[in-house]
Amino acid sequence: MKDMPGHLARRFQQIAVAVFLAEVEAAGFDLTPVQYAALAAIAANPSIDQITLAGLIAYDRTTITGVIDRLAQKGLVVRQASARDRRSRELLITDEGRRTLDAITPAPPDAEGDRRRQRAQPRAVTRGSKRAVITPLMVRGQRRSDATSSW
């Protein structure tokens, strides 16, 4: 089972979520990966409507409402009536939302370090090498999740 691509992808996603939640909580915030994606998309697309947001972050149109409800309850976003379509609500990030996003979004790497990493990376990842890339990440992630959770 540990060599099956579907299993590896599912475990990688579980570990990525666990690491994200642990890091965000350690920074003093309460935000899920979906809430973070929505907040970042709203910041990048002021006055976006919920349906467009759902498509942008690949989330279900009907359940995005709950995500936005929680962000609004936390004071990170506000809804306002659309000037173009009164049936539609536009989403805007608040100052608190911007501070939260800035605090938990990793800083971009410096340009020189980025160039060195690009030169060191192979140009293409072959199908066979994908497992070689994912497996070490899975092992490190599993060790980290074993140390911080009981699943």
N, C-alpha and C. Protein backbone atom coordinates (compact mmCIF):
# COMPACT_ATOMS: atom_id res chain seq x y z
N MET A 1 0.82 -1.19 0.00
CA MET A 1 0.00 0.00 0.00
C MET A 1 0.87 1.26 0.00
N LYS A 2 2.00 1.23 0.68
CA LYS A 2 2.84 2.42 0.81
C LYS A 2 3.44 2.86 -0.51
N ASP A 3 3.45 1.99 -1.54
CA ASP A 3 3.99 2.36 -2.84
C ASP A 3 2.92 2.78 -3.84
N MET A 4 1.66 2.74 -3.43
CA MET A 4 0.58 3.08 -4.35
C MET A 4 0.45 4.61 -4.46
N PRO A 5 0.48 5.14 -5.69
CA PRO A 5 0.43 6.60 -5.87
C PRO A 5 -0.78 7.26 -5.20
N GLY A 6 -1.95 6.65 -5.29
CA GLY A 6 -3.14 7.23 -4.68
C GLY A 6 -3.00 7.34 -3.17
N HIS A 7 -2.45 6.30 -2.56
CA HIS A 7 -2.24 6.32 -1.11
C HIS A 7 -1.22 7.39 -0.74
N LEU A 8 -0.13 7.45 -1.51
CA LEU A 8 0.88 8.47 -1.24
C LEU A 8 0.31 9.88 -1.36
N ALA A 9 -0.51 10.10 -2.37
CA ALA A 9 -1.10 11.43 -2.56
C ALA A 9 -2.02 11.78 -1.39
N ARG A 10 -2.84 10.82 -0.96
CA ARG A 10 -3.75 11.07 0.16
C ARG A 10 -2.99 11.34 1.44
N ARG A 11 -1.96 10.55 1.72
CA ARG A 11 -1.16 10.76 2.92
C ARG A 11 -0.40 12.08 2.86
N PHE A 12 0.12 12.41 1.69
CA PHE A 12 0.83 13.68 1.53
C PHE A 12 -0.11 14.84 1.86
N GLN A 13 -1.34 14.77 1.38
CA GLN A 13 -2.31 15.83 1.65
C GLN A 13 -2.64 15.88 3.14
N GLN A 14 -2.82 14.74 3.78
CA GLN A 14 -3.11 14.71 5.22
C GLN A 14 -1.96 15.33 6.02
N ILE A 15 -0.77 14.97 5.66
CA ILE A 15 0.41 15.48 6.37
C ILE A 15 0.56 16.98 6.12
N ALA A 16 0.34 17.40 4.88
CA ALA A 16 0.45 18.83 4.57
C ALA A 16 -0.55 19.65 5.39
N VAL A 17 -1.76 19.14 5.53
CA VAL A 17 -2.77 19.84 6.33
C VAL A 17 -2.35 19.88 7.80
N ALA A 18 -1.87 18.75 8.32
CA ALA A 18 -1.44 18.70 9.72
C ALA A 18 -0.29 19.68 9.98
N VAL A 19 0.66 19.74 9.08
CA VAL A 19 1.79 20.66 9.23
C VAL A 19 1.30 22.10 9.15
N PHE A 20 0.43 22.39 8.19
CA PHE A 20 -0.12 23.74 8.06
C PHE A 20 -0.82 24.16 9.35
N LEU A 21 -1.71 23.31 9.85
CA LEU A 21 -2.45 23.65 11.06
C LEU A 21 -1.53 23.86 12.26
N ALA A 22 -0.52 23.01 12.39
CA ALA A 22 0.42 23.15 13.50
C ALA A 22 1.19 24.46 13.41
N GLU A 23 1.64 24.82 12.21
CA GLU A 23 2.43 26.05 12.04
C GLU A 23 1.57 27.29 12.26
N VAL A 24 0.35 27.27 11.75
CA VAL A 24 -0.55 28.42 11.91
C VAL A 24 -0.93 28.58 13.38
N GLU A 25 -1.22 27.46 14.04
CA GLU A 25 -1.55 27.52 15.47
C GLU A 25 -0.35 28.01 16.29
N ALA A 26 0.85 27.54 15.96
CA ALA A 26 2.05 27.98 16.67
C ALA A 26 2.28 29.49 16.50
N ALA A 27 1.83 30.03 15.38
CA ALA A 27 1.96 31.47 15.13
C ALA A 27 0.83 32.26 15.82
N GLY A 28 -0.11 31.53 16.45
CA GLY A 28 -1.17 32.19 17.20
C GLY A 28 -2.43 32.46 16.42
N PHE A 29 -2.64 31.74 15.32
CA PHE A 29 -3.82 31.97 14.49
C PHE A 29 -4.68 30.71 14.42
N ASP A 30 -5.94 30.91 14.06
CA ASP A 30 -6.90 29.82 13.91
C ASP A 30 -7.46 29.89 12.50
N LEU A 31 -6.80 29.21 11.57
CA LEU A 31 -7.19 29.27 10.17
C LEU A 31 -6.93 27.92 9.54
N THR A 32 -7.89 27.40 8.77
CA THR A 32 -7.70 26.14 8.06
C THR A 32 -7.06 26.44 6.70
N PRO A 33 -6.55 25.40 6.02
CA PRO A 33 -5.99 25.63 4.69
C PRO A 33 -7.01 26.23 3.71
N VAL A 34 -8.26 25.79 3.77
CA VAL A 34 -9.28 26.34 2.86
C VAL A 34 -9.56 27.80 3.21
N GLN A 35 -9.63 28.13 4.49
CA GLN A 35 -9.83 29.52 4.89
C GLN A 35 -8.66 30.39 4.44
N TYR A 36 -7.44 29.86 4.56
CA TYR A 36 -6.26 30.59 4.10
C TYR A 36 -6.34 30.83 2.59
N ALA A 37 -6.69 29.79 1.83
CA ALA A 37 -6.79 29.93 0.37
C ALA A 37 -7.84 30.98 0.01
N ALA A 38 -8.98 30.94 0.69
CA ALA A 38 -10.04 31.92 0.42
C ALA A 38 -9.57 33.33 0.77
N LEU A 39 -8.95 33.47 1.93
CA LEU A 39 -8.47 34.79 2.36
C LEU A 39 -7.45 35.35 1.37
N ALA A 40 -6.51 34.52 0.94
CA ALA A 40 -5.49 34.96 -0.01
C ALA A 40 -6.13 35.33 -1.35
N ALA A 41 -7.11 34.56 -1.79
CA ALA A 41 -7.78 34.85 -3.07
C ALA A 41 -8.59 36.15 -2.98
N ILE A 42 -9.23 36.38 -1.83
CA ILE A 42 -9.99 37.62 -1.65
C ILE A 42 -9.04 38.82 -1.62
N ALA A 43 -7.90 38.66 -0.98
CA ALA A 43 -6.91 39.75 -0.94
C ALA A 43 -6.41 40.07 -2.34
N ALA A 44 -6.22 39.05 -3.16
CA ALA A 44 -5.69 39.25 -4.51
C ALA A 44 -6.77 39.70 -5.50
N ASN A 45 -8.05 39.51 -5.12
CA ASN A 45 -9.16 39.83 -6.02
C ASN A 45 -10.24 40.58 -5.26
N PRO A 46 -9.97 41.83 -4.89
CA PRO A 46 -10.96 42.59 -4.11
C PRO A 46 -12.32 42.62 -4.81
N SER A 47 -13.37 42.51 -4.03
CA SER A 47 -14.76 42.54 -4.50
C SER A 47 -15.15 41.30 -5.30
N ILE A 48 -14.43 40.21 -5.12
CA ILE A 48 -14.78 38.96 -5.78
C ILE A 48 -16.09 38.45 -5.19
N ASP A 49 -16.89 37.78 -5.99
CA ASP A 49 -18.12 37.20 -5.47
C ASP A 49 -17.85 35.75 -5.04
N GLN A 50 -18.74 35.20 -4.24
CA GLN A 50 -18.51 33.88 -3.65
C GLN A 50 -18.42 32.78 -4.69
N ILE A 51 -19.21 32.83 -5.74
CA ILE A 51 -19.19 31.79 -6.76
C ILE A 51 -17.86 31.81 -7.51
N THR A 52 -17.39 32.99 -7.85
CA THR A 52 -16.09 33.10 -8.52
C THR A 52 -14.97 32.64 -7.59
N LEU A 53 -15.07 33.01 -6.31
CA LEU A 53 -14.08 32.57 -5.33
C LEU A 53 -14.04 31.05 -5.24
N ALA A 54 -15.20 30.42 -5.18
CA ALA A 54 -15.26 28.96 -5.10
C ALA A 54 -14.54 28.33 -6.29
N GLY A 55 -14.78 28.85 -7.48
CA GLY A 55 -14.10 28.31 -8.66
C GLY A 55 -12.61 28.55 -8.62
N LEU A 56 -12.22 29.71 -8.14
CA LEU A 56 -10.80 30.07 -8.09
C LEU A 56 -10.00 29.16 -7.16
N ILE A 57 -10.58 28.77 -6.03
CA ILE A 57 -9.85 27.93 -5.09
C ILE A 57 -10.29 26.46 -5.17
N ALA A 58 -11.06 26.14 -6.22
CA ALA A 58 -11.51 24.76 -6.46
C ALA A 58 -12.27 24.21 -5.27
N TYR A 59 -13.26 24.98 -4.84
CA TYR A 59 -14.08 24.56 -3.70
C TYR A 59 -15.53 24.55 -4.14
N ASP A 60 -16.33 23.74 -3.50
CA ASP A 60 -17.73 23.60 -3.83
C ASP A 60 -18.49 24.91 -3.63
N ARG A 61 -19.31 25.28 -4.60
CA ARG A 61 -20.07 26.54 -4.54
C ARG A 61 -20.99 26.62 -3.34
N THR A 62 -21.57 25.52 -2.95
CA THR A 62 -22.52 25.57 -1.84
C THR A 62 -21.86 25.61 -0.48
N THR A 63 -20.69 25.00 -0.34
CA THR A 63 -20.03 24.99 0.97
C THR A 63 -19.07 26.15 1.19
N ILE A 64 -18.80 26.93 0.14
CA ILE A 64 -17.94 28.10 0.32
C ILE A 64 -18.60 29.09 1.27
N THR A 65 -19.92 29.07 1.33
CA THR A 65 -20.64 29.99 2.21
C THR A 65 -20.20 29.80 3.66
N GLY A 66 -20.05 28.56 4.10
CA GLY A 66 -19.60 28.29 5.47
C GLY A 66 -18.19 28.80 5.71
N VAL A 67 -17.33 28.66 4.72
CA VAL A 67 -15.96 29.16 4.84
C VAL A 67 -15.98 30.68 5.01
N ILE A 68 -16.76 31.35 4.18
CA ILE A 68 -16.86 32.81 4.26
C ILE A 68 -17.51 33.23 5.58
N ASP A 69 -18.52 32.48 6.03
CA ASP A 69 -19.16 32.78 7.32
C ASP A 69 -18.11 32.78 8.44
N ARG A 70 -17.25 31.77 8.46
CA ARG A 70 -16.23 31.68 9.52
C ARG A 70 -15.19 32.80 9.41
N LEU A 71 -14.80 33.13 8.18
CA LEU A 71 -13.86 34.25 8.00
C LEU A 71 -14.50 35.57 8.45
N ALA A 72 -15.77 35.74 8.17
CA ALA A 72 -16.47 36.96 8.59
C ALA A 72 -16.62 36.99 10.11
N GLN A 73 -16.93 35.86 10.73
CA GLN A 73 -17.04 35.80 12.19
C GLN A 73 -15.73 36.15 12.87
N LYS A 74 -14.64 35.81 12.23
CA LYS A 74 -13.31 36.11 12.78
C LYS A 74 -12.89 37.55 12.48
N GLY A 75 -13.71 38.27 11.71
CA GLY A 75 -13.40 39.66 11.38
C GLY A 75 -12.35 39.80 10.29
N LEU A 76 -12.16 38.76 9.47
CA LEU A 76 -11.11 38.78 8.45
C LEU A 76 -11.62 39.24 7.09
N VAL A 77 -12.92 39.08 6.84
CA VAL A 77 -13.52 39.53 5.59
C VAL A 77 -14.88 40.16 5.88
N VAL A 78 -15.35 40.96 4.94
CA VAL A 78 -16.70 41.51 5.01
C VAL A 78 -17.39 41.23 3.69
N ARG A 79 -18.71 41.09 3.77
CA ARG A 79 -19.55 40.96 2.58
C ARG A 79 -20.24 42.30 2.37
N GLN A 80 -20.37 42.67 1.12
CA GLN A 80 -21.15 43.87 0.81
C GLN A 80 -21.95 43.61 -0.46
N ALA A 81 -23.05 44.28 -0.57
CA ALA A 81 -23.89 44.15 -1.76
C ALA A 81 -23.12 44.62 -2.98
N SER A 82 -23.26 43.89 -4.05
CA SER A 82 -22.59 44.25 -5.30
C SER A 82 -23.27 45.44 -5.93
N ALA A 83 -22.49 46.36 -6.44
CA ALA A 83 -23.04 47.52 -7.15
C ALA A 83 -23.57 47.11 -8.51
N ARG A 84 -23.04 46.01 -9.07
CA ARG A 84 -23.44 45.54 -10.40
C ARG A 84 -24.67 44.64 -10.37
N ASP A 85 -24.79 43.83 -9.30
CA ASP A 85 -25.89 42.86 -9.20
C ASP A 85 -26.32 42.77 -7.75
N ARG A 86 -27.47 43.34 -7.44
CA ARG A 86 -27.91 43.41 -6.04
C ARG A 86 -28.16 42.04 -5.42
N ARG A 87 -28.29 41.00 -6.23
CA ARG A 87 -28.46 39.65 -5.69
C ARG A 87 -27.13 39.07 -5.23
N SER A 88 -26.06 39.65 -5.69
CA SER A 88 -24.71 39.12 -5.42
C SER A 88 -24.05 39.88 -4.28
N ARG A 89 -23.18 39.17 -3.56
CA ARG A 89 -22.41 39.77 -2.47
C ARG A 89 -20.94 39.75 -2.86
N GLU A 90 -20.28 40.87 -2.65
CA GLU A 90 -18.84 40.97 -2.91
C GLU A 90 -18.08 40.78 -1.61
N LEU A 91 -16.89 40.24 -1.72
CA LEU A 91 -16.06 39.97 -0.54
C LEU A 91 -14.85 40.87 -0.53
N LEU A 92 -14.56 41.41 0.64
CA LEU A 92 -13.39 42.27 0.82
C LEU A 92 -12.63 41.83 2.06
N ILE A 93 -11.32 41.88 2.00
CA ILE A 93 -10.50 41.56 3.16
C ILE A 93 -10.48 42.78 4.10
N THR A 94 -10.53 42.53 5.40
CA THR A 94 -10.46 43.61 6.38
C THR A 94 -9.00 43.88 6.73
N ASP A 95 -8.76 44.94 7.49
CA ASP A 95 -7.40 45.21 7.95
C ASP A 95 -6.88 44.05 8.79
N GLU A 96 -7.75 43.49 9.63
CA GLU A 96 -7.35 42.34 10.45
C GLU A 96 -7.04 41.13 9.55
N GLY A 97 -7.83 40.95 8.50
CA GLY A 97 -7.57 39.87 7.55
C GLY A 97 -6.23 40.05 6.87
N ARG A 98 -5.91 41.27 6.49
CA ARG A 98 -4.62 41.56 5.85
C ARG A 98 -3.48 41.28 6.81
N ARG A 99 -3.62 41.72 8.09
CA ARG A 99 -2.56 41.45 9.07
C ARG A 99 -2.37 39.95 9.28
N THR A 100 -3.47 39.21 9.35
CA THR A 100 -3.40 37.76 9.53
C THR A 100 -2.71 37.12 8.34
N LEU A 101 -3.12 37.49 7.15
CA LEU A 101 -2.53 36.94 5.93
C LEU A 101 -1.04 37.25 5.86
N ASP A 102 -0.68 38.49 6.15
CA ASP A 102 0.73 38.87 6.12
C ASP A 102 1.55 38.10 7.16
N ALA A 103 0.95 37.83 8.30
CA ALA A 103 1.67 37.15 9.38
C ALA A 103 1.91 35.67 9.09
N ILE A 104 1.02 35.03 8.35
CA ILE A 104 1.18 33.59 8.13
C ILE A 104 1.64 33.21 6.74
N THR A 105 1.71 34.19 5.83
CA THR A 105 2.20 33.89 4.48
C THR A 105 3.71 33.93 4.50
N PRO A 106 4.36 32.86 4.02
CA PRO A 106 5.83 32.86 4.01
C PRO A 106 6.38 34.00 3.16
N ALA A 107 7.46 34.56 3.62
CA ALA A 107 8.13 35.62 2.87
C ALA A 107 8.74 35.02 1.60
N PRO A 108 8.71 35.76 0.50
CA PRO A 108 9.32 35.22 -0.72
C PRO A 108 10.84 35.11 -0.54
N PRO A 109 11.42 34.10 -1.15
CA PRO A 109 12.88 33.96 -1.03
C PRO A 109 13.58 35.11 -1.74
N ASP A 110 14.80 35.38 -1.30
CA ASP A 110 15.56 36.44 -1.97
C ASP A 110 15.88 36.00 -3.39
N ALA A 111 16.05 36.97 -4.27
CA ALA A 111 16.22 36.68 -5.69
C ALA A 111 17.46 35.82 -5.95
N GLU A 112 18.56 36.08 -5.28
CA GLU A 112 19.79 35.32 -5.52
C GLU A 112 19.62 33.87 -5.08
N GLY A 113 19.03 33.67 -3.92
CA GLY A 113 18.79 32.30 -3.45
C GLY A 113 17.87 31.56 -4.39
N ASP A 114 16.88 32.27 -4.95
CA ASP A 114 15.95 31.66 -5.88
C ASP A 114 16.67 31.23 -7.15
N ARG A 115 17.59 32.07 -7.66
CA ARG A 115 18.35 31.70 -8.87
C ARG A 115 19.21 30.47 -8.61
N ARG A 116 19.85 30.40 -7.44
CA ARG A 116 20.68 29.24 -7.13
C ARG A 116 19.84 27.97 -7.09
N ARG A 117 18.65 28.04 -6.49
CA ARG A 117 17.78 26.87 -6.41
C ARG A 117 17.33 26.44 -7.80
N GLN A 118 17.02 27.40 -8.66
CA GLN A 118 16.58 27.06 -10.01
C GLN A 118 17.69 26.35 -10.79
N ARG A 119 18.93 26.80 -10.63
CA ARG A 119 20.04 26.15 -11.33
C ARG A 119 20.26 24.74 -10.79
N ALA A 120 19.99 24.53 -9.52
CA ALA A 120 20.24 23.24 -8.89
C ALA A 120 19.13 22.24 -9.18
N GLN A 121 17.95 22.70 -9.60
CA GLN A 121 16.83 21.81 -9.84
C GLN A 121 16.89 21.20 -11.22
N PRO A 122 16.48 19.94 -11.34
CA PRO A 122 16.40 19.35 -12.67
C PRO A 122 15.30 20.05 -13.49
N ARG A 123 15.44 20.05 -14.78
CA ARG A 123 14.49 20.75 -15.64
C ARG A 123 13.14 20.05 -15.72
N ALA A 124 13.12 18.75 -15.62
CA ALA A 124 11.86 18.02 -15.73
C ALA A 124 11.84 16.88 -14.72
N VAL A 125 10.66 16.60 -14.23
CA VAL A 125 10.50 15.48 -13.31
C VAL A 125 9.82 14.37 -14.09
N THR A 126 10.49 13.24 -14.21
CA THR A 126 9.91 12.13 -14.95
C THR A 126 8.91 11.39 -14.07
N ARG A 127 8.09 10.58 -14.70
CA ARG A 127 7.06 9.85 -13.95
C ARG A 127 7.68 8.99 -12.86
N GLY A 128 8.75 8.31 -13.17
CA GLY A 128 9.41 7.46 -12.19
C GLY A 128 10.03 8.24 -11.04
N SER A 129 10.44 9.47 -11.33
CA SER A 129 11.10 10.23 -10.28
C SER A 129 10.11 10.94 -9.37
N LYS A 130 8.83 11.01 -9.75
CA LYS A 130 7.83 11.64 -8.90
C LYS A 130 7.75 10.92 -7.56
N ARG A 131 7.74 9.61 -7.61
CA ARG A 131 7.69 8.84 -6.36
C ARG A 131 8.96 9.08 -5.55
N ALA A 132 10.08 9.23 -6.22
CA ALA A 132 11.34 9.49 -5.51
C ALA A 132 11.33 10.86 -4.84
N VAL A 133 10.58 11.79 -5.39
CA VAL A 133 10.46 13.12 -4.80
C VAL A 133 9.46 13.09 -3.65
N ILE A 134 8.32 12.46 -3.85
CA ILE A 134 7.25 12.47 -2.86
C ILE A 134 7.58 11.59 -1.66
N THR A 135 8.18 10.44 -1.86
CA THR A 135 8.40 9.51 -0.76
C THR A 135 9.23 10.11 0.38
N PRO A 136 10.38 10.76 0.12
CA PRO A 136 11.12 11.36 1.23
C PRO A 136 10.32 12.44 1.95
N LEU A 137 9.53 13.20 1.21
CA LEU A 137 8.68 14.21 1.84
C LEU A 137 7.65 13.54 2.74
N MET A 138 7.10 12.43 2.27
CA MET A 138 6.12 11.69 3.06
C MET A 138 6.76 11.17 4.36
N VAL A 139 7.95 10.62 4.26
CA VAL A 139 8.63 10.08 5.44
C VAL A 139 8.88 11.19 6.46
N ARG A 140 9.42 12.33 5.99
CA ARG A 140 9.66 13.45 6.92
C ARG A 140 8.35 13.96 7.51
N GLY A 141 7.34 14.07 6.68
CA GLY A 141 6.05 14.55 7.16
C GLY A 141 5.43 13.58 8.14
N GLN A 142 5.55 12.28 7.87
CA GLN A 142 5.00 11.28 8.78
C GLN A 142 5.70 11.34 10.13
N ARG A 143 7.01 11.47 10.11
CA ARG A 143 7.74 11.61 11.39
C ARG A 143 7.25 12.82 12.17
N ARG A 144 7.07 13.93 11.46
CA ARG A 144 6.61 15.15 12.12
C ARG A 144 5.19 14.98 12.65
N SER A 145 4.31 14.36 11.86
CA SER A 145 2.92 14.19 12.33
C SER A 145 2.86 13.17 13.47
N ASP A 146 3.71 12.16 13.46
CA ASP A 146 3.75 11.21 14.57
C ASP A 146 4.15 11.91 15.88
N ALA A 147 5.01 12.90 15.76
CA ALA A 147 5.48 13.61 16.93
C ALA A 147 4.45 14.60 17.49
N THR A 148 3.51 15.02 16.62
CA THR A 148 2.57 16.05 17.06
C THR A 148 1.12 15.60 17.11
N SER A 149 0.81 14.38 16.67
CA SER A 149 -0.58 13.95 16.70
C SER A 149 -0.67 12.47 17.00
N SER A 150 -1.90 12.02 17.16
CA SER A 150 -2.10 10.62 17.49
C SER A 150 -2.80 9.85 16.39
N TRP A 151 -2.84 10.36 15.17
CA TRP A 151 -3.50 9.64 14.11
C TRP A 151 -2.55 8.70 13.49
